[in-house]
Each structure stands twice: as structure tokens, then as C-alpha cells.
Amino acid sequence: MQEQQIVWVTGASRGIGHAIASHLALQGCQVVACARTLPQHLPSNVWPVQLDVTNEQSVQQLLDEIIKRYGRVDVLVNAAGLGMIGAVEDTTDSEARAVFETNVFGVLNTCRYAAPIMRLQGRGKIINITSMAAQMALPFRGVYCASKFAVEGFSESLSQELRRSGVAVVIVEPGDVRTEINHHRVVVAGVSPALRRDYDRIHQQVNQEVNGGIHPQQIALEVGKILKLSNPKLRYRIAPPMAHWAYRLMKLLPDRFFEGLIMRHYGMRQ
């Protein structure tokens, strides 16, 4: 009989994290589901925990409790994250730091404490949920994109550092996902008059694209498949065909030409 996997999921109170925690529990995993708000409406084999991933001491304490209760941690899924919209020049220091604290340092905290334990075990998986926006920057989402770029950067390094120990680091890049992010993202407090027209139109377009995105369950299903693989790929992109085509074009076309296509998509005529 296959051993039950012990899975630690962050950002599990809603959206992608909640879908992943629920799906993996129904697949027979023992899930530790954490978020700033205590996760609810999950299967019985889920241990819900209130946790702020930006609090390094709390992260360490929770992992100690997981090891004490279960003896190990097989999988870490970092799904906690904040969305953001606003021009780079309009973003305050505190607004940018709020996004980086969760999206970058929160992920770094959990990875930093899980990695040595998994190395000692000689096995494990760290799955970091980023975004297609970690591959291509988008207007009025500069700080959000930068935070996801950062996670991809240290995830690639972490993969190289852990690979010989039998620990796999995996990056999952969703496209637009139909979650509550439109209601919870950080929105910059001020908008420069010169940018107001573009900002208002693009903000509305971003909301519409999220509302028309894929269901979080698609991400959960992919993560479930990754758990069953002995040698998963470094990167998985889960997005509509148009997003995959955009990524291919980005690799093929001159930078300025592709930049123009992105601007045109968002109505920013040159």
C-alpha cells in the first residue's frame, strides 16, 4: 500500500490554495492547510491552521508541529499570494512591500525551513505557484510581475541546490484563474492624471480576464498529477492556448515588437 503523503499547503482559505488542499485531501493525502484566515469547508483529513507566512517564527513553529505530529513533510505547496494593480510610478513603498512580503518573503520563509528537512529525508517536493506573469511583464502590474519573477528566480536556484538530495522543486505557472483575486488584490491609492485613462480601461480588462479564466480545480488537478511523478519537470504552465502562444511569440520575436503586441492587447496604441 502506498504511504500517505503529508502535504503542507499555504494560501488555503480560498482560490487556488483551497482547491489544491481539498483535491489532495480527497486523493488521500494528509493535508496541513494554512492561511491568514483559518481555512474552512475542507475534507475531514485536513488540518486547518491560521498562519501568516510573512511571520518567520510562526512558519518555523508550524513546521516543527507538523514534524512532531506526522514525523515528516513530503510536499510543500506555496499558493499564498497577493494580486496588485497600479502603475510603477504610482506605487508607494508600503504598497510594494505588502506584495513582496507575501509573494516573495512568504514563499522564501516556507522554502527555507522545509528544504533542510526534506534534504534529511532524502525526498520531497516543493511546488511554488507563480503565474504566467512571471514570464512576461504586463502594464499596470509591474510590482506584481516583479514579485513572481523573483520567486521563479530563487526557485530555479533552489532546484539546483536540492536536486542531488532527491528533492524536486517545481514551478506552476497559471494563466488567468477564476478566483476572488479581483476583490482582494492590492490597488494603488493614487493614479497619475496622465495614466488615468489607460489605468481605468486596463483595470476593467484585467477583471474581465480573471472572471473568464480557468477554474482553480484545473490547477489542483495538475498539482495532484505532479505528486505522483518521481521526476517532475521544473516548470508547468496551465493556461488557455492564447497564453501559451503569447509565451512562444515572446521567445521568437524581437523584444520591442512583442512589447508592442502586449500594449496593443491592452489598447495602448503607440
Protein backbone atom coordinates (compact mmCIF):
# COMPACT_ATOMS: atom_id res chain seq x y z
CA MET A 1 0.00 0.00 0.00
CA GLN A 2 1.33 3.44 -0.95
CA GLU A 3 2.33 5.61 2.00
CA GLN A 4 0.05 8.57 2.71
CA GLN A 5 1.72 11.81 1.68
CA ILE A 6 1.96 14.67 4.17
CA VAL A 7 1.26 17.88 2.25
CA TRP A 8 1.60 21.44 3.55
CA VAL A 9 -0.45 23.98 1.53
CA THR A 10 -0.31 27.74 2.05
CA GLY A 11 -2.96 30.22 0.94
CA ALA A 12 -5.61 27.55 1.52
CA SER A 13 -8.51 29.73 2.67
CA ARG A 14 -9.70 30.43 -0.88
CA GLY A 15 -8.92 30.23 -4.58
CA ILE A 16 -6.10 28.06 -5.88
CA GLY A 17 -4.82 27.07 -2.44
CA HIS A 18 -8.24 25.97 -1.23
CA ALA A 19 -8.83 23.94 -4.40
CA ILE A 20 -5.43 22.24 -4.07
CA ALA A 21 -5.90 21.42 -0.37
CA SER A 22 -9.36 19.97 -0.98
CA HIS A 23 -8.34 17.94 -4.03
CA LEU A 24 -5.24 16.45 -2.44
CA ALA A 25 -7.18 15.53 0.71
CA LEU A 26 -9.80 13.75 -1.39
CA GLN A 27 -6.95 11.92 -3.12
CA GLY A 28 -5.90 10.50 0.25
CA CYS A 29 -3.17 12.91 1.32
CA GLN A 30 -2.94 14.24 4.85
CA VAL A 31 -3.10 17.98 4.24
CA VAL A 32 -1.99 20.80 6.52
CA ALA A 33 -3.90 23.78 5.11
CA CYS A 34 -2.86 27.21 6.31
CA ALA A 35 -3.75 30.82 5.60
CA ARG A 36 -4.09 34.16 7.38
CA THR A 37 -7.79 33.35 7.71
CA LEU A 38 -8.47 29.87 9.12
CA PRO A 39 -9.33 27.62 6.12
CA GLN A 40 -12.84 26.18 6.20
CA HIS A 41 -15.09 23.81 4.21
CA LEU A 42 -12.35 21.23 3.61
CA PRO A 43 -12.39 17.41 3.90
CA SER A 44 -12.01 15.80 7.30
CA ASN A 45 -8.41 14.69 6.70
CA VAL A 46 -7.27 18.33 6.56
CA TRP A 47 -5.61 20.04 9.50
CA PRO A 48 -6.57 23.73 9.13
CA VAL A 49 -4.13 26.23 10.64
CA GLN A 50 -4.16 30.00 10.86
CA LEU A 51 -0.76 31.21 9.68
CA ASP A 52 0.80 34.36 8.29
CA VAL A 53 3.61 33.18 6.02
CA THR A 54 5.37 36.53 6.39
CA ASN A 55 5.96 35.75 10.07
CA GLU A 56 9.16 33.70 10.01
CA GLN A 57 8.88 32.48 13.60
CA SER A 58 5.31 31.28 13.08
CA VAL A 59 6.35 29.39 9.95
CA GLN A 60 9.13 27.63 11.85
CA GLN A 61 6.79 26.78 14.73
CA LEU A 62 4.18 25.29 12.40
CA LEU A 63 6.74 23.14 10.61
CA ASP A 64 8.01 21.91 13.97
CA GLU A 65 4.43 20.94 14.86
CA ILE A 66 3.96 19.16 11.52
CA ILE A 67 7.10 17.09 12.13
CA LYS A 68 6.04 16.37 15.70
CA ARG A 69 2.58 15.23 14.58
CA TYR A 70 3.42 13.35 11.36
CA GLY A 71 7.18 12.77 11.50
CA ARG A 72 7.88 14.31 8.12
CA VAL A 73 6.65 16.63 5.37
CA ASP A 74 6.54 15.18 1.87
CA VAL A 75 5.24 18.13 -0.14
CA LEU A 76 5.11 21.89 0.29
CA VAL A 77 2.72 23.80 -1.97
CA ASN A 78 3.13 27.57 -1.85
CA ALA A 79 -0.16 29.02 -3.07
CA ALA A 80 -0.35 32.10 -0.82
CA GLY A 81 -0.18 35.31 -2.79
CA LEU A 82 -1.44 38.84 -3.31
CA GLY A 83 -2.50 40.38 -6.59
CA MET A 84 -1.79 44.01 -7.38
CA ILE A 85 -2.68 46.60 -9.99
CA GLY A 86 -1.18 50.03 -10.44
CA ALA A 87 1.47 51.86 -12.41
CA VAL A 88 5.05 51.52 -11.23
CA GLU A 89 5.38 55.29 -10.73
CA ASP A 90 2.19 55.41 -8.63
CA THR A 91 3.10 52.52 -6.32
CA THR A 92 4.13 53.56 -2.83
CA ASP A 93 6.86 51.85 -0.89
CA SER A 94 4.34 50.37 1.56
CA GLU A 95 2.14 49.03 -1.25
CA ALA A 96 5.09 47.35 -2.96
CA ARG A 97 6.39 45.92 0.30
CA ALA A 98 2.99 44.43 1.16
CA VAL A 99 3.03 42.46 -2.10
CA PHE A 100 6.67 41.38 -1.76
CA GLU A 101 6.22 40.35 1.88
CA THR A 102 3.59 37.76 0.91
CA ASN A 103 4.55 36.82 -2.65
CA VAL A 104 8.32 36.65 -2.16
CA PHE A 105 9.35 36.55 1.50
CA GLY A 106 6.38 34.38 2.49
CA VAL A 107 7.41 31.76 -0.08
CA LEU A 108 11.05 32.14 0.87
CA ASN A 109 10.17 31.55 4.55
CA THR A 110 8.41 28.24 3.95
CA CYS A 111 11.05 27.03 1.47
CA ARG A 112 13.87 27.96 3.82
CA TYR A 113 12.50 25.79 6.63
CA ALA A 114 11.14 22.91 4.55
CA ALA A 115 14.28 22.44 2.41
CA PRO A 116 16.68 21.14 5.10
CA ILE A 117 14.04 18.75 6.47
CA MET A 118 13.38 17.32 3.01
CA ARG A 119 17.12 17.02 2.40
CA LEU A 120 17.49 14.95 5.56
CA GLN A 121 14.54 12.80 4.48
CA GLY A 122 16.19 12.28 1.10
CA ARG A 123 12.94 13.08 -0.67
CA GLY A 124 10.23 15.69 -1.05
CA LYS A 125 8.64 18.17 -3.41
CA ILE A 126 8.39 21.95 -3.18
CA ILE A 127 5.75 23.31 -5.54
CA ASN A 128 5.67 27.08 -5.95
CA ILE A 129 2.62 28.58 -7.64
CA THR A 130 3.69 31.64 -9.62
CA SER A 131 1.99 33.00 -12.74
CA MET A 132 2.38 33.39 -16.48
CA ALA A 133 3.08 37.00 -15.42
CA ALA A 134 6.36 35.64 -14.06
CA GLN A 135 7.46 35.18 -17.67
CA MET A 136 6.11 38.30 -19.36
CA ALA A 137 5.61 41.70 -17.74
CA LEU A 138 2.24 43.38 -18.13
CA PRO A 139 1.25 47.06 -17.93
CA PHE A 140 0.00 48.31 -14.56
CA ARG A 141 1.12 45.10 -12.88
CA GLY A 142 4.83 45.81 -12.64
CA VAL A 143 5.27 45.16 -8.92
CA TYR A 144 3.11 42.01 -9.05
CA CYS A 145 5.10 40.70 -12.03
CA ALA A 146 8.37 41.55 -10.28
CA SER A 147 7.32 39.53 -7.22
CA LYS A 148 6.55 36.49 -9.35
CA PHE A 149 9.77 36.90 -11.36
CA ALA A 150 11.62 36.87 -8.03
CA VAL A 151 10.02 33.60 -6.89
CA GLU A 152 10.89 31.93 -10.19
CA GLY A 153 14.49 33.09 -9.82
CA PHE A 154 15.10 31.63 -6.39
CA SER A 155 13.01 28.55 -7.20
CA GLU A 156 15.36 27.70 -10.06
CA SER A 157 18.37 28.14 -7.78
CA LEU A 158 16.72 26.10 -5.03
CA SER A 159 16.04 23.32 -7.53
CA GLN A 160 19.74 23.13 -8.38
CA GLU A 161 20.72 23.14 -4.71
CA LEU A 162 18.32 20.34 -3.73
CA ARG A 163 18.23 18.10 -6.78
CA ARG A 164 21.08 15.81 -5.67
CA SER A 165 19.25 15.27 -2.36
CA GLY A 166 16.21 13.72 -4.01
CA VAL A 167 14.08 16.84 -3.51
CA ALA A 168 12.24 18.24 -6.54
CA VAL A 169 11.39 21.92 -6.87
CA VAL A 170 8.51 22.58 -9.27
CA ILE A 171 7.16 25.87 -10.60
CA VAL A 172 3.49 26.01 -11.62
CA GLU A 173 2.55 28.99 -13.80
CA PRO A 174 -1.21 29.54 -14.12
CA GLY A 175 -2.71 31.98 -16.57
CA ASP A 176 -5.84 33.87 -15.55
CA VAL A 177 -7.68 31.86 -12.90
CA ARG A 178 -11.27 32.47 -11.87
CA THR A 179 -10.73 33.29 -8.19
CA GLU A 180 -11.62 36.10 -5.79
CA ILE A 181 -8.40 37.95 -6.60
CA ASN A 182 -10.35 40.86 -8.11
CA HIS A 183 -11.79 41.56 -4.65
CA HIS A 184 -8.58 41.05 -2.66
CA ARG A 185 -5.74 42.45 -4.79
CA VAL A 186 -3.77 45.48 -3.69
CA VAL A 187 -4.92 48.53 -5.68
CA VAL A 188 -2.66 51.56 -5.64
CA ALA A 189 -4.16 54.51 -3.79
CA GLY A 190 -3.18 57.14 -6.33
CA VAL A 191 -3.24 57.32 -10.12
CA SER A 192 -1.31 59.91 -12.12
CA PRO A 193 -3.63 62.03 -14.31
CA ALA A 194 -1.52 61.20 -17.36
CA LEU A 195 -2.21 57.49 -16.80
CA ARG A 196 -5.82 57.61 -15.63
CA ARG A 197 -7.46 56.64 -18.94
CA ASP A 198 -5.18 53.66 -19.55
CA TYR A 199 -5.40 52.60 -15.90
CA ASP A 200 -9.21 52.60 -15.75
CA ARG A 201 -9.55 50.66 -19.00
CA ILE A 202 -6.86 48.12 -18.19
CA HIS A 203 -8.14 47.60 -14.63
CA GLN A 204 -11.54 46.72 -16.07
CA GLN A 205 -9.98 44.45 -18.70
CA VAL A 206 -7.90 42.63 -16.07
CA ASN A 207 -11.04 41.98 -14.01
CA GLN A 208 -12.83 40.62 -17.07
CA GLU A 209 -9.92 38.35 -17.98
CA VAL A 210 -9.83 36.93 -14.45
CA ASN A 211 -13.59 36.34 -14.49
CA GLY A 212 -13.17 34.45 -17.76
CA GLY A 213 -10.15 32.48 -16.58
CA ILE A 214 -9.74 28.78 -15.92
CA HIS A 215 -11.22 27.17 -12.80
CA PRO A 216 -8.87 26.70 -9.81
CA GLN A 217 -9.68 22.99 -9.95
CA GLN A 218 -7.53 22.73 -13.09
CA ILE A 219 -4.52 23.85 -11.08
CA ALA A 220 -5.42 21.40 -8.31
CA LEU A 221 -5.66 18.52 -10.78
CA GLU A 222 -2.23 19.34 -12.21
CA VAL A 223 -0.68 19.52 -8.75
CA GLY A 224 -2.25 16.14 -7.98
CA LYS A 225 -0.55 14.68 -11.04
CA ILE A 226 2.79 16.21 -10.08
CA LEU A 227 2.63 14.50 -6.68
CA LYS A 228 2.51 11.13 -8.41
CA LEU A 229 5.63 11.75 -10.51
CA SER A 230 9.02 10.53 -9.37
CA ASN A 231 10.85 13.03 -11.59
CA PRO A 232 8.59 16.00 -12.36
CA LYS A 233 9.57 18.79 -14.74
CA LEU A 234 10.84 22.07 -13.35
CA ARG A 235 8.00 24.11 -14.86
CA TYR A 236 4.34 23.52 -15.71
CA ARG A 237 2.22 26.16 -17.48
CA ILE A 238 -1.53 25.90 -17.06
CA ALA A 239 -3.27 28.46 -19.20
CA PRO A 240 -5.57 28.86 -22.23
CA PRO A 241 -3.99 28.30 -25.68
CA MET A 242 -3.69 32.06 -26.31
CA ALA A 243 -1.39 32.48 -23.29
CA HIS A 244 0.82 29.62 -24.50
CA TRP A 245 1.03 31.22 -27.94
CA ALA A 246 1.96 34.54 -26.35
CA TYR A 247 4.82 32.87 -24.50
CA ARG A 248 6.11 31.23 -27.69
CA LEU A 249 5.92 34.55 -29.55
CA MET A 250 7.83 36.27 -26.76
CA LYS A 251 10.70 33.83 -27.31
CA LEU A 252 10.66 34.23 -31.09
CA LEU A 253 10.01 37.93 -31.72
CA PRO A 254 12.26 40.94 -31.11
CA ASP A 255 11.62 42.40 -27.66
CA ARG A 256 10.23 45.72 -28.85
CA PHE A 257 7.92 44.05 -31.34
CA PHE A 258 6.49 41.76 -28.66
CA GLU A 259 6.18 44.70 -26.28
CA GLY A 260 4.06 46.42 -28.92
CA LEU A 261 1.78 43.38 -29.14
CA ILE A 262 1.22 43.43 -25.38
CA MET A 263 0.45 47.15 -25.48
CA ARG A 264 -1.96 46.65 -28.36
CA HIS A 265 -3.74 43.88 -26.46
CA TYR A 266 -4.41 46.37 -23.68
CA GLY A 267 -5.42 49.20 -26.02
CA MET A 268 -2.22 51.18 -25.54
CA ARG A 269 -1.73 52.39 -29.10
CA GLN A 270 1.73 53.68 -29.87
